[in-house]
Amino acid sequence: MSNSSNSAPALADYAWPLLPGNPGAAPVWENDGFRLASGASKQAVLAYGTDESHWSEELTELHESEAGDGDHPIDRASRALALRSLRKYLPQSPGVALDVGCSSGFFIREVRRELPSTPVIAADYIAGPLHKLAASLPGVPLLQFDLRTCPLPSASLAAIVCLNVLEHIDRDEQALGQMHRILQPGGIAHVEVPAGPSCYDIYDEHLMHHRRYTMRELTSKAERAGFRVLSRTHLGALVYPAFYFVKRRNRRHLKLSAEEKAVLIRGMMRTTRRSTAMELAMRLELTLGHFIPYPAGIRCIAVLQKS
């Protein structure tokens, strides 16, 4: 699918930041790649460099292979709520939206299908998945950068979707500050993070999470970054009692070897992916979530606005 006539000009006119080592050649988006200079070959990905990461290409591959290529009930519900936020809070003629931490591009594909007039940029900390996306997502600008030192220009975006990213960042408040900086006044950020610090277990350790959040921690950090909290809720509320029991039980496995933990984690991911009860619970939760916020759950979700 190609960009709509509304989104293509917005992306072509976007002020793409200069690449390190190319101070005089501002990138130009040409709908199927970036050109750095007249006559030069196009680049599929603009890479701005990173420091040490709490994510890896191996973890992306693990999630794809064991969670069903983005088809896990929790992941589908997560993307549905992010789309709901974009529909609710973006204007009829939206500016550019950013999916930061796009990984394998599942959310980007849904945005292009469900909101074709929304110009969207995909970004990730890891370059490998972005180069794979270049072949399957033509027409989407792909950027690799560290959110803590985001190169995007100030006040240049209408929306940011940040799904399960902040827990991988040591200085998460610095990342929130960058998100606030690059949003336009009135712009929104849909942020999702794992909930429940007491539920930190081998799964979190293996996925290199720095932390799990309380809703108060997430919203307090967002407010210190300058955001106003528009809404807050939890994902996985209806399955939370069973989730809490399993997570607390899993804490006894923290002393196992890395290989033993990996086997357990793969098994857990396969089991919940195929769970009919999980599927039904998430469908019901999405329906009820139109009317009520959930006070507890597996993940915290906050919609933030730059004043």
C-alpha atoms as a PDB file:
ATOM      1  CA  MET A   1       0.000   0.000   0.000  1.00  0.00           C
ATOM      2  CA  SER A   2       1.346   3.423  -0.891  1.00  0.00           C
ATOM      3  CA  ASN A   3       0.939   6.630   1.045  1.00  0.00           C
ATOM      4  CA  SER A   4      -2.240   8.575   0.400  1.00  0.00           C
ATOM      5  CA  SER A   5      -2.139  11.911  -1.410  1.00  0.00           C
ATOM      6  CA  ASN A   6      -2.621  13.638   1.963  1.00  0.00           C
ATOM      7  CA  SER A   7       0.294  11.971   3.736  1.00  0.00           C
ATOM      8  CA  ALA A   8       2.927  12.011   0.981  1.00  0.00           C
ATOM      9  CA  PRO A   9       3.390  15.818   0.880  1.00  0.00           C
ATOM     10  CA  ALA A  10       3.617  16.020   4.683  1.00  0.00           C
ATOM     11  CA  LEU A  11       6.445  13.487   4.699  1.00  0.00           C
ATOM     12  CA  ALA A  12       8.235  15.094   1.742  1.00  0.00           C
ATOM     13  CA  ASP A  13       8.165  18.460   3.527  1.00  0.00           C
ATOM     14  CA  TYR A  14       9.276  17.111   6.906  1.00  0.00           C
ATOM     15  CA  ALA A  15      12.564  18.598   8.197  1.00  0.00           C
ATOM     16  CA  TRP A  16      14.629  15.407   8.321  1.00  0.00           C
ATOM     17  CA  PRO A  17      17.652  15.896  10.583  1.00  0.00           C
ATOM     18  CA  LEU A  18      21.177  15.808   9.197  1.00  0.00           C
ATOM     19  CA  LEU A  19      22.972  12.500   9.480  1.00  0.00           C
ATOM     20  CA  PRO A  20      26.195  12.236  11.497  1.00  0.00           C
ATOM     21  CA  GLY A  21      29.094  12.691   9.094  1.00  0.00           C
ATOM     22  CA  ASN A  22      26.911  14.435   6.471  1.00  0.00           C
ATOM     23  CA  PRO A  23      26.642  18.008   7.798  1.00  0.00           C
ATOM     24  CA  GLY A  24      25.804  19.577   4.451  1.00  0.00           C
ATOM     25  CA  ALA A  25      23.380  17.058   2.993  1.00  0.00           C
ATOM     26  CA  ALA A  26      19.873  17.232   4.430  1.00  0.00           C
ATOM     27  CA  PRO A  27      17.993  13.997   3.666  1.00  0.00           C
ATOM     28  CA  VAL A  28      15.114  14.240   1.229  1.00  0.00           C
ATOM     29  CA  TRP A  29      12.226  11.758   1.389  1.00  0.00           C
ATOM     30  CA  GLU A  30      11.147  10.556  -2.059  1.00  0.00           C
ATOM     31  CA  ASN A  31       8.337   8.149  -1.068  1.00  0.00           C
ATOM     32  CA  ASP A  32      10.481   5.038  -1.488  1.00  0.00           C
ATOM     33  CA  GLY A  33      13.649   6.055   0.315  1.00  0.00           C
ATOM     34  CA  PHE A  34      15.894   8.923   1.386  1.00  0.00           C
ATOM     35  CA  ARG A  35      18.245  10.783  -0.930  1.00  0.00           C
ATOM     36  CA  LEU A  36      21.179  12.527   0.720  1.00  0.00           C
ATOM     37  CA  ALA A  37      22.514  14.388  -2.307  1.00  0.00           C
ATOM     38  CA  SER A  38      21.663  14.939  -5.942  1.00  0.00           C
ATOM     39  CA  GLY A  39      22.560  11.873  -7.961  1.00  0.00           C
ATOM     40  CA  ALA A  40      23.289   9.756  -4.889  1.00  0.00           C
ATOM     41  CA  SER A  41      21.635   6.400  -4.385  1.00  0.00           C
ATOM     42  CA  LYS A  42      18.706   6.232  -1.982  1.00  0.00           C
ATOM     43  CA  GLN A  43      18.900   4.948   1.577  1.00  0.00           C
ATOM     44  CA  ALA A  44      16.110   2.857   3.059  1.00  0.00           C
ATOM     45  CA  VAL A  45      16.967   3.757   6.672  1.00  0.00           C
ATOM     46  CA  LEU A  46      18.368   6.901   8.238  1.00  0.00           C
ATOM     47  CA  ALA A  47      20.686   5.778  11.066  1.00  0.00           C
ATOM     48  CA  TYR A  48      21.563   8.280  13.783  1.00  0.00           C
ATOM     49  CA  GLY A  49      23.481   5.951  16.070  1.00  0.00           C
ATOM     50  CA  THR A  50      22.826   4.578  19.550  1.00  0.00           C
ATOM     51  CA  ASP A  51      24.543   3.640  22.780  1.00  0.00           C
ATOM     52  CA  GLU A  52      24.202   0.304  24.554  1.00  0.00           C
ATOM     53  CA  SER A  53      20.653  -1.033  24.247  1.00  0.00           C
ATOM     54  CA  HIS A  54      18.293  -2.974  26.467  1.00  0.00           C
ATOM     55  CA  TRP A  55      16.822  -4.634  23.386  1.00  0.00           C
ATOM     56  CA  SER A  56      18.329  -6.738  20.623  1.00  0.00           C
ATOM     57  CA  GLU A  57      17.583  -8.304  17.257  1.00  0.00           C
ATOM     58  CA  GLU A  58      17.491 -11.684  19.023  1.00  0.00           C
ATOM     59  CA  LEU A  59      14.681 -10.491  21.295  1.00  0.00           C
ATOM     60  CA  THR A  60      12.735  -9.214  18.291  1.00  0.00           C
ATOM     61  CA  GLU A  61      13.073 -12.635  16.666  1.00  0.00           C
ATOM     62  CA  LEU A  62      12.003 -14.345  19.905  1.00  0.00           C
ATOM     63  CA  HIS A  63       8.855 -12.256  20.113  1.00  0.00           C
ATOM     64  CA  GLU A  64       7.992 -12.877  16.459  1.00  0.00           C
ATOM     65  CA  SER A  65       8.559 -16.625  16.597  1.00  0.00           C
ATOM     66  CA  GLU A  66       6.849 -17.327  19.907  1.00  0.00           C
ATOM     67  CA  ALA A  67       4.169 -14.616  20.089  1.00  0.00           C
ATOM     68  CA  GLY A  68       2.854 -15.381  16.630  1.00  0.00           C
ATOM     69  CA  ASP A  69       4.083 -12.552  14.420  1.00  0.00           C
ATOM     70  CA  GLY A  70       2.210  -9.911  16.369  1.00  0.00           C
ATOM     71  CA  ASP A  71      -0.921 -12.054  16.710  1.00  0.00           C
ATOM     72  CA  HIS A  72      -0.818 -12.504  20.490  1.00  0.00           C
ATOM     73  CA  PRO A  73      -4.173 -11.360  21.986  1.00  0.00           C
ATOM     74  CA  ILE A  74      -2.460  -8.846  24.281  1.00  0.00           C
ATOM     75  CA  ASP A  75      -0.454  -7.362  21.427  1.00  0.00           C
ATOM     76  CA  ARG A  76      -3.503  -7.051  19.180  1.00  0.00           C
ATOM     77  CA  ALA A  77      -5.422  -5.328  21.971  1.00  0.00           C
ATOM     78  CA  SER A  78      -2.463  -3.026  22.593  1.00  0.00           C
ATOM     79  CA  ARG A  79      -2.450  -1.869  18.976  1.00  0.00           C
ATOM     80  CA  ALA A  80      -6.238  -1.486  18.966  1.00  0.00           C
ATOM     81  CA  LEU A  81      -6.057   0.909  21.920  1.00  0.00           C
ATOM     82  CA  ALA A  82      -3.293   2.939  20.271  1.00  0.00           C
ATOM     83  CA  LEU A  83      -5.403   3.263  17.117  1.00  0.00           C
ATOM     84  CA  ARG A  84      -8.347   4.298  19.293  1.00  0.00           C
ATOM     85  CA  SER A  85      -6.241   7.121  20.749  1.00  0.00           C
ATOM     86  CA  LEU A  86      -5.174   8.362  17.325  1.00  0.00           C
ATOM     87  CA  ARG A  87      -8.779   8.363  16.094  1.00  0.00           C
ATOM     88  CA  LYS A  88      -9.995  10.204  19.193  1.00  0.00           C
ATOM     89  CA  TYR A  89      -7.342  12.852  19.608  1.00  0.00           C
ATOM     90  CA  LEU A  90      -5.872  13.602  16.170  1.00  0.00           C
ATOM     91  CA  PRO A  91      -7.515  16.320  14.079  1.00  0.00           C
ATOM     92  CA  GLN A  92      -9.284  15.555  10.810  1.00  0.00           C
ATOM     93  CA  SER A  93      -6.202  16.666   8.850  1.00  0.00           C
ATOM     94  CA  PRO A  94      -3.477  15.221  11.096  1.00  0.00           C
ATOM     95  CA  GLY A  95       0.177  16.100  11.105  1.00  0.00           C
ATOM     96  CA  VAL A  96       2.926  13.498  11.131  1.00  0.00           C
ATOM     97  CA  ALA A  97       2.742  10.593  13.614  1.00  0.00           C
ATOM     98  CA  LEU A  98       5.711   8.612  14.931  1.00  0.00           C
ATOM     99  CA  ASP A  99       5.735   4.969  16.011  1.00  0.00           C
ATOM    100  CA  VAL A 100       8.812   4.836  18.222  1.00  0.00           C
ATOM    101  CA  GLY A 101      10.004   1.316  18.943  1.00  0.00           C
ATOM    102  CA  CYS A 102       8.225   0.014  15.837  1.00  0.00           C
ATOM    103  CA  SER A 103      10.057  -3.351  15.949  1.00  0.00           C
ATOM    104  CA  SER A 104       8.518  -5.523  13.211  1.00  0.00           C
ATOM    105  CA  GLY A 105       6.079  -2.881  12.013  1.00  0.00           C
ATOM    106  CA  PHE A 106       2.755  -4.462  12.999  1.00  0.00           C
ATOM    107  CA  PHE A 107       1.287  -1.203  14.290  1.00  0.00           C
ATOM    108  CA  ILE A 108       2.493   0.778  11.266  1.00  0.00           C
ATOM    109  CA  ARG A 109       0.657  -1.627   8.978  1.00  0.00           C
ATOM    110  CA  GLU A 110      -2.559  -1.124  10.935  1.00  0.00           C
ATOM    111  CA  VAL A 111      -2.216   2.657  10.831  1.00  0.00           C
ATOM    112  CA  ARG A 112      -1.773   2.587   7.053  1.00  0.00           C
ATOM    113  CA  ARG A 113      -4.814   0.360   6.688  1.00  0.00           C
ATOM    114  CA  GLU A 114      -7.125   2.031   9.206  1.00  0.00           C
ATOM    115  CA  LEU A 115      -5.925   5.666   9.029  1.00  0.00           C
ATOM    116  CA  PRO A 116      -4.525   6.026   5.494  1.00  0.00           C
ATOM    117  CA  SER A 117      -4.491   9.839   5.593  1.00  0.00           C
ATOM    118  CA  THR A 118      -2.157   9.879   8.626  1.00  0.00           C
ATOM    119  CA  PRO A 119       1.499  10.426   7.608  1.00  0.00           C
ATOM    120  CA  VAL A 120       3.554   8.049   9.733  1.00  0.00           C
ATOM    121  CA  ILE A 121       7.238   7.563  10.517  1.00  0.00           C
ATOM    122  CA  ALA A 122       8.633   4.304  11.938  1.00  0.00           C
ATOM    123  CA  ALA A 123      11.596   4.388  14.312  1.00  0.00           C
ATOM    124  CA  ASP A 124      13.508   1.872  16.379  1.00  0.00           C
ATOM    125  CA  TYR A 125      16.664   1.585  18.443  1.00  0.00           C
ATOM    126  CA  ILE A 126      17.787  -1.523  16.523  1.00  0.00           C
ATOM    127  CA  ALA A 127      18.699  -1.235  12.844  1.00  0.00           C
ATOM    128  CA  GLY A 128      18.178  -4.863  11.784  1.00  0.00           C
ATOM    129  CA  PRO A 129      14.351  -4.942  11.925  1.00  0.00           C
ATOM    130  CA  LEU A 130      14.195  -1.592  10.108  1.00  0.00           C
ATOM    131  CA  HIS A 131      16.139  -2.925   7.128  1.00  0.00           C
ATOM    132  CA  LYS A 132      13.754  -5.879   6.972  1.00  0.00           C
ATOM    133  CA  LEU A 133      10.796  -3.484   7.086  1.00  0.00           C
ATOM    134  CA  ALA A 134      12.164  -1.482   4.168  1.00  0.00           C
ATOM    135  CA  ALA A 135      11.250  -4.307   1.791  1.00  0.00           C
ATOM    136  CA  SER A 136       7.755  -4.897   3.193  1.00  0.00           C
ATOM    137  CA  LEU A 137       6.710  -1.305   4.014  1.00  0.00           C
ATOM    138  CA  PRO A 138       7.529   0.876   1.006  1.00  0.00           C
ATOM    139  CA  GLY A 139       6.450   4.453   1.454  1.00  0.00           C
ATOM    140  CA  VAL A 140       7.200   4.589   5.205  1.00  0.00           C
ATOM    141  CA  PRO A 141      10.246   6.592   6.365  1.00  0.00           C
ATOM    142  CA  LEU A 142      12.399   4.445   8.652  1.00  0.00           C
ATOM    143  CA  LEU A 143      14.691   5.964  11.276  1.00  0.00           C
ATOM    144  CA  GLN A 144      17.134   4.408  13.736  1.00  0.00           C
ATOM    145  CA  PHE A 145      17.930   6.501  16.808  1.00  0.00           C
ATOM    146  CA  ASP A 146      18.190   6.599  20.591  1.00  0.00           C
ATOM    147  CA  LEU A 147      15.055   8.181  22.083  1.00  0.00           C
ATOM    148  CA  ARG A 148      17.128   9.671  24.912  1.00  0.00           C
ATOM    149  CA  THR A 149      18.960  11.817  22.340  1.00  0.00           C
ATOM    150  CA  CYS A 150      16.259  12.013  19.669  1.00  0.00           C
ATOM    151  CA  PRO A 151      17.472  13.888  16.546  1.00  0.00           C
ATOM    152  CA  LEU A 152      14.000  14.917  15.315  1.00  0.00           C
ATOM    153  CA  PRO A 153      13.240  18.643  15.229  1.00  0.00           C
ATOM    154  CA  SER A 154      11.270  20.296  18.015  1.00  0.00           C
ATOM    155  CA  ALA A 155       7.499  20.704  17.624  1.00  0.00           C
ATOM    156  CA  SER A 156       7.461  18.623  14.440  1.00  0.00           C
ATOM    157  CA  LEU A 157       4.999  15.815  15.237  1.00  0.00           C
ATOM    158  CA  ALA A 158       1.267  15.610  15.908  1.00  0.00           C
ATOM    159  CA  ALA A 159       1.376  12.229  17.652  1.00  0.00           C
ATOM    160  CA  ILE A 160       3.733   9.642  19.105  1.00  0.00           C
ATOM    161  CA  VAL A 161       2.876   6.026  19.829  1.00  0.00           C
ATOM    162  CA  CYS A 162       5.298   4.413  22.290  1.00  0.00           C
ATOM    163  CA  LEU A 163       4.355   0.792  23.039  1.00  0.00           C
ATOM    164  CA  ASN A 164       6.521  -1.064  25.555  1.00  0.00           C
ATOM    165  CA  VAL A 165       9.617   1.054  25.038  1.00  0.00           C
ATOM    166  CA  LEU A 166      10.259   3.115  28.182  1.00  0.00           C
ATOM    167  CA  GLU A 167      10.902   0.058  30.349  1.00  0.00           C
ATOM    168  CA  HIS A 168      13.968  -0.693  28.182  1.00  0.00           C
ATOM    169  CA  ILE A 169      15.439   2.785  28.718  1.00  0.00           C
ATOM    170  CA  ASP A 170      17.576   3.505  31.758  1.00  0.00           C
ATOM    171  CA  ARG A 171      16.846   7.254  31.722  1.00  0.00           C
ATOM    172  CA  ASP A 172      13.154   7.066  30.920  1.00  0.00           C
ATOM    173  CA  GLU A 173      12.431  10.627  32.069  1.00  0.00           C
ATOM    174  CA  GLN A 174      14.993  11.885  29.590  1.00  0.00           C
ATOM    175  CA  ALA A 175      13.173   9.950  26.857  1.00  0.00           C
ATOM    176  CA  LEU A 176       9.827  11.434  27.933  1.00  0.00           C
ATOM    177  CA  GLY A 177      11.385  14.887  27.800  1.00  0.00           C
ATOM    178  CA  GLN A 178      12.471  14.274  24.219  1.00  0.00           C
ATOM    179  CA  MET A 179       8.982  13.093  23.308  1.00  0.00           C
ATOM    180  CA  HIS A 180       7.545  16.291  24.763  1.00  0.00           C
ATOM    181  CA  ARG A 181      10.083  18.401  22.842  1.00  0.00           C
ATOM    182  CA  ILE A 182       9.355  16.919  19.397  1.00  0.00           C
ATOM    183  CA  LEU A 183       5.560  17.133  19.745  1.00  0.00           C
ATOM    184  CA  GLN A 184       3.694  20.173  18.492  1.00  0.00           C
ATOM    185  CA  PRO A 185       1.610  22.109  21.042  1.00  0.00           C
ATOM    186  CA  GLY A 186      -1.561  20.075  21.471  1.00  0.00           C
ATOM    187  CA  GLY A 187       0.169  16.934  20.175  1.00  0.00           C
ATOM    188  CA  ILE A 188      -0.492  13.627  21.911  1.00  0.00           C
ATOM    189  CA  ALA A 189       1.567  10.649  23.029  1.00  0.00           C
ATOM    190  CA  HIS A 190       0.022   7.219  23.589  1.00  0.00           C
ATOM    191  CA  VAL A 191       2.358   5.441  26.021  1.00  0.00           C
ATOM    192  CA  GLU A 192       2.162   1.834  27.172  1.00  0.00           C
ATOM    193  CA  VAL A 193       4.473   0.165  29.716  1.00  0.00           C
ATOM    194  CA  PRO A 194       4.403  -3.050  31.790  1.00  0.00           C
ATOM    195  CA  ALA A 195       2.541  -2.645  35.089  1.00  0.00           C
ATOM    196  CA  GLY A 196       3.230  -3.878  38.603  1.00  0.00           C
ATOM    197  CA  PRO A 197       6.768  -3.572  40.046  1.00  0.00           C
ATOM    198  CA  SER A 198       6.086  -6.560  42.325  1.00  0.00           C
ATOM    199  CA  CYS A 199       5.493  -8.701  39.220  1.00  0.00           C
ATOM    200  CA  TYR A 200       9.048  -8.333  37.917  1.00  0.00           C
ATOM    201  CA  ASP A 201      10.179 -11.883  37.053  1.00  0.00           C
ATOM    202  CA  ILE A 202      12.297 -13.946  34.660  1.00  0.00           C
ATOM    203  CA  TYR A 203      10.265 -12.718  31.695  1.00  0.00           C
ATOM    204  CA  ASP A 204      11.119  -9.088  32.483  1.00  0.00           C
ATOM    205  CA  GLU A 205      14.719  -9.980  33.166  1.00  0.00           C
ATOM    206  CA  HIS A 206      15.079 -11.868  29.878  1.00  0.00           C
ATOM    207  CA  LEU A 207      13.451  -9.030  27.924  1.00  0.00           C
ATOM    208  CA  MET A 208      15.907  -6.603  29.552  1.00  0.00           C
ATOM    209  CA  HIS A 209      13.319  -4.479  31.345  1.00  0.00           C
ATOM    210  CA  HIS A 210      14.760  -1.895  33.706  1.00  0.00           C
ATOM    211  CA  ARG A 211      11.452  -1.746  35.574  1.00  0.00           C
ATOM    212  CA  ARG A 212       7.719  -2.357  35.684  1.00  0.00           C
ATOM    213  CA  TYR A 213       5.597   0.712  36.454  1.00  0.00           C
ATOM    214  CA  THR A 214       2.805   1.817  38.702  1.00  0.00           C
ATOM    215  CA  MET A 215       0.360   4.170  37.005  1.00  0.00           C
ATOM    216  CA  ARG A 216       1.374   6.885  39.467  1.00  0.00           C
ATOM    217  CA  GLU A 217       5.044   6.502  38.502  1.00  0.00           C
ATOM    218  CA  LEU A 218       4.278   6.711  34.780  1.00  0.00           C
ATOM    219  CA  THR A 219       2.004   9.736  35.008  1.00  0.00           C
ATOM    220  CA  SER A 220       4.228  11.553  37.514  1.00  0.00           C
ATOM    221  CA  LYS A 221       7.232  11.180  35.230  1.00  0.00           C
ATOM    222  CA  ALA A 222       5.147  12.342  32.271  1.00  0.00           C
ATOM    223  CA  GLU A 223       3.937  15.409  34.164  1.00  0.00           C
ATOM    224  CA  ARG A 224       7.495  16.293  35.197  1.00  0.00           C
ATOM    225  CA  ALA A 225       8.401  16.160  31.487  1.00  0.00           C
ATOM    226  CA  GLY A 226       5.697  18.775  30.839  1.00  0.00           C
ATOM    227  CA  PHE A 227       2.786  16.603  29.724  1.00  0.00           C
ATOM    228  CA  ARG A 228      -0.856  16.839  30.706  1.00  0.00           C
ATOM    229  CA  VAL A 229      -2.480  13.433  31.257  1.00  0.00           C
ATOM    230  CA  LEU A 230      -5.620  13.128  29.112  1.00  0.00           C
ATOM    231  CA  SER A 231      -6.551   9.583  30.070  1.00  0.00           C
ATOM    232  CA  ARG A 232      -5.213   6.551  31.876  1.00  0.00           C
ATOM    233  CA  THR A 233      -6.200   2.908  32.011  1.00  0.00           C
ATOM    234  CA  HIS A 234      -4.737  -0.595  32.141  1.00  0.00           C
ATOM    235  CA  LEU A 235      -4.528  -3.377  29.596  1.00  0.00           C
ATOM    236  CA  GLY A 236      -5.085  -6.980  30.660  1.00  0.00           C
ATOM    237  CA  ALA A 237      -7.351  -6.086  33.575  1.00  0.00           C
ATOM    238  CA  LEU A 238      -9.625  -9.121  33.250  1.00  0.00           C
ATOM    239  CA  VAL A 239      -6.728 -11.595  33.244  1.00  0.00           C
ATOM    240  CA  TYR A 240      -4.736  -9.738  35.885  1.00  0.00           C
ATOM    241  CA  PRO A 241      -5.468 -12.091  38.845  1.00  0.00           C
ATOM    242  CA  ALA A 242      -4.108 -15.109  36.936  1.00  0.00           C
ATOM    243  CA  PHE A 243      -1.235 -13.021  35.572  1.00  0.00           C
ATOM    244  CA  TYR A 244      -0.286 -11.843  39.065  1.00  0.00           C
ATOM    245  CA  PHE A 245      -0.254 -15.407  40.400  1.00  0.00           C
ATOM    246  CA  VAL A 246       1.968 -16.637  37.553  1.00  0.00           C
ATOM    247  CA  LYS A 247       4.357 -13.704  37.775  1.00  0.00           C
ATOM    248  CA  ARG A 248       4.795 -14.089  41.528  1.00  0.00           C
ATOM    249  CA  ARG A 249       5.382 -17.817  41.084  1.00  0.00           C
ATOM    250  CA  ASN A 250       7.954 -17.132  38.372  1.00  0.00           C
ATOM    251  CA  ARG A 251      10.053 -15.050  40.725  1.00  0.00           C
ATOM    252  CA  ARG A 252      11.341 -18.293  42.227  1.00  0.00           C
ATOM    253  CA  HIS A 253      13.051 -18.983  38.864  1.00  0.00           C
ATOM    254  CA  LEU A 254      15.234 -15.869  38.935  1.00  0.00           C
ATOM    255  CA  LYS A 255      18.272 -17.938  39.957  1.00  0.00           C
ATOM    256  CA  LEU A 256      18.000 -20.363  37.033  1.00  0.00           C
ATOM    257  CA  SER A 257      20.549 -20.266  34.226  1.00  0.00           C
ATOM    258  CA  ALA A 258      19.901 -18.056  31.196  1.00  0.00           C
ATOM    259  CA  GLU A 259      19.264 -21.130  29.057  1.00  0.00           C
ATOM    260  CA  GLU A 260      16.709 -22.545  31.496  1.00  0.00           C
ATOM    261  CA  LYS A 261      14.931 -19.196  31.720  1.00  0.00           C
ATOM    262  CA  ALA A 262      14.770 -18.925  27.915  1.00  0.00           C
ATOM    263  CA  VAL A 263      13.051 -22.327  27.680  1.00  0.00           C
ATOM    264  CA  LEU A 264      10.456 -21.349  30.284  1.00  0.00           C
ATOM    265  CA  ILE A 265       9.781 -18.004  28.616  1.00  0.00           C
ATOM    266  CA  ARG A 266       9.263 -19.539  25.174  1.00  0.00           C
ATOM    267  CA  GLY A 267       6.778 -21.969  26.690  1.00  0.00           C
ATOM    268  CA  MET A 268       4.835 -19.193  28.436  1.00  0.00           C
ATOM    269  CA  MET A 269       4.622 -17.139  25.255  1.00  0.00           C
ATOM    270  CA  ARG A 270       3.306 -20.076  23.229  1.00  0.00           C
ATOM    271  CA  THR A 271       0.722 -20.989  25.875  1.00  0.00           C
ATOM    272  CA  THR A 272      -0.830 -17.534  26.201  1.00  0.00           C
ATOM    273  CA  ARG A 273      -0.782 -16.984  22.435  1.00  0.00           C
ATOM    274  CA  ARG A 274      -3.042 -20.007  21.944  1.00  0.00           C
ATOM    275  CA  SER A 275      -5.308 -19.315  24.937  1.00  0.00           C
ATOM    276  CA  THR A 276      -9.006 -19.073  24.018  1.00  0.00           C
ATOM    277  CA  ALA A 277      -9.736 -17.600  27.446  1.00  0.00           C
ATOM    278  CA  MET A 278      -7.159 -14.864  26.837  1.00  0.00           C
ATOM    279  CA  GLU A 279      -8.665 -14.106  23.438  1.00  0.00           C
ATOM    280  CA  LEU A 280     -12.195 -13.813  24.816  1.00  0.00           C
ATOM    281  CA  ALA A 281     -11.071 -11.752  27.807  1.00  0.00           C
ATOM    282  CA  MET A 282      -9.280  -9.233  25.610  1.00  0.00           C
ATOM    283  CA  ARG A 283     -12.283  -8.845  23.304  1.00  0.00           C
ATOM    284  CA  LEU A 284     -14.567  -8.187  26.264  1.00  0.00           C
ATOM    285  CA  GLU A 285     -12.067  -5.817  27.829  1.00  0.00           C
ATOM    286  CA  LEU A 286     -11.776  -3.722  24.657  1.00  0.00           C
ATOM    287  CA  THR A 287     -15.561  -3.434  24.476  1.00  0.00           C
ATOM    288  CA  LEU A 288     -15.987  -2.405  28.116  1.00  0.00           C
ATOM    289  CA  GLY A 289     -12.995  -0.086  27.831  1.00  0.00           C
ATOM    290  CA  HIS A 290     -15.060   2.272  25.699  1.00  0.00           C
ATOM    291  CA  PHE A 291     -16.987   3.122  28.868  1.00  0.00           C
ATOM    292  CA  ILE A 292     -14.686   2.580  31.857  1.00  0.00           C
ATOM    293  CA  PRO A 293     -10.968   2.873  32.683  1.00  0.00           C
ATOM    294  CA  TYR A 294      -9.382  -0.124  34.369  1.00  0.00           C
ATOM    295  CA  PRO A 295      -7.652   0.505  37.726  1.00  0.00           C
ATOM    296  CA  ALA A 296      -5.244  -2.453  37.424  1.00  0.00           C
ATOM    297  CA  GLY A 297      -3.861  -4.741  34.762  1.00  0.00           C
ATOM    298  CA  ILE A 298      -0.843  -6.165  32.997  1.00  0.00           C
ATOM    299  CA  ARG A 299       0.171  -2.882  31.339  1.00  0.00           C
ATOM    300  CA  CYS A 300      -0.295   0.811  32.134  1.00  0.00           C
ATOM    301  CA  ILE A 301      -1.579   3.030  29.328  1.00  0.00           C
ATOM    302  CA  ALA A 302      -1.579   6.821  29.434  1.00  0.00           C
ATOM    303  CA  VAL A 303      -2.532   9.318  26.754  1.00  0.00           C
ATOM    304  CA  LEU A 304      -0.469  12.476  27.217  1.00  0.00           C
ATOM    305  CA  GLN A 305      -0.752  15.916  25.654  1.00  0.00           C
ATOM    306  CA  LYS A 306       1.739  18.716  25.177  1.00  0.00           C
ATOM    307  CA  SER A 307       0.094  21.975  26.236  1.00  0.00           C
END
